[in-house]
Amino acid sequence: MKRILRLLLFAVIGFFVFLTGQTIGEHIAINREIRQFVQKGVLDEVNSTDTIKYYKVSRETYYPNELIRDPFYTGDYLKPGDAGDIFVTQRSPLVAYPGVDQFVTFFFGGHAAVIDDSNTIFETIGIPNSDEKLLDVILNGGRDTHVKGGIRNYWLDPTHRAEDNNDPSYRAFGTYYRNDWIGLRIKGITQAEIDESLAYLSKLEQEEAQYNFLFVLNTKNRYYCTDMVSRAYESIQTESGKQKYDLNRDTIAVTVNDLVLSKDTYISYYVTTDKNDVKHVYYIG
């Protein structure tokens, strides 16, 4: 019995070491893709301010054959994204829990959402209401723990969060949603396919498809944020009826890293914050 337990322990340790090495490699690859994207950016002096700098990455130099889309909704530079764009952040929302925050950030990432044609977003968040019990929500669903659309695009909103030094998220990110995030687009996608993916998400919203707290289990009509994004695009089929896009690289749990490193996505936005709290926004234009 001791021998079996010892073998199981070694197997668990070996898997964790493998997973850690794989994830380190993913972060290195993502940083390399970000550097390549940022290097093509040219300062947009007209729209830049002292607190937020914009850099245009010319589409002629970066995926020039992709569908042309507007980088900002109705020319409002605080409303990034066009229909079908995917926004992701690697940073966990669990800033109030040291250790857990870093673990989730490193291995899984923080959040993912999809922009619709009105510059609002589809997302799903697994946060029960204060009067709900977590176990009951996990098993039976909650009032608000389901796919939602029409959510205000908060990703570059400087008033997203109130100034409150008692709020761990404010201390970590200020009034913005996050200090750093990435925008993605699907390679080779058509406008008809974007409409199809948004219709898929609208259907999930109508069905109030619940958040999947178990991730790889109980997946029928349940979704976590990155899973919602990947399955929306993986629902698109070729003329022969085969899945056209694959955003889940390891076919297990879909992480933010999977979405960024998928062979079917490319970076379309990158937002970062420097030590002086100045935002730097890189976008394809």
Foldseek 3Di string as FASTA:
>chain_A
DVVVVVVVVVVVVVVVVVLLVVLVVLVVVLVVQVVVQVVQWDWPVVPDDPFETETARECVVPVVPFDDDDQADPPDPLQGDAQFKKKFFLFAPVLVDPPVRVVCSRRFGHFMWGAHHVSKIKFFDQDADPPDDSVCCQVPNHPRRFIDTPHHNQQRPQQCADDDPVDSCCVQANRGNHQKMFMKHFPPDDPVLSVQLVVVSVVRNVVRQGANPPQQPPPVSHHHGQRSSQVSQQVDADPVGHRDAGQQPVPGGRGPSSNDPGPGMHTAWIWHADPVNHIYIYGYD
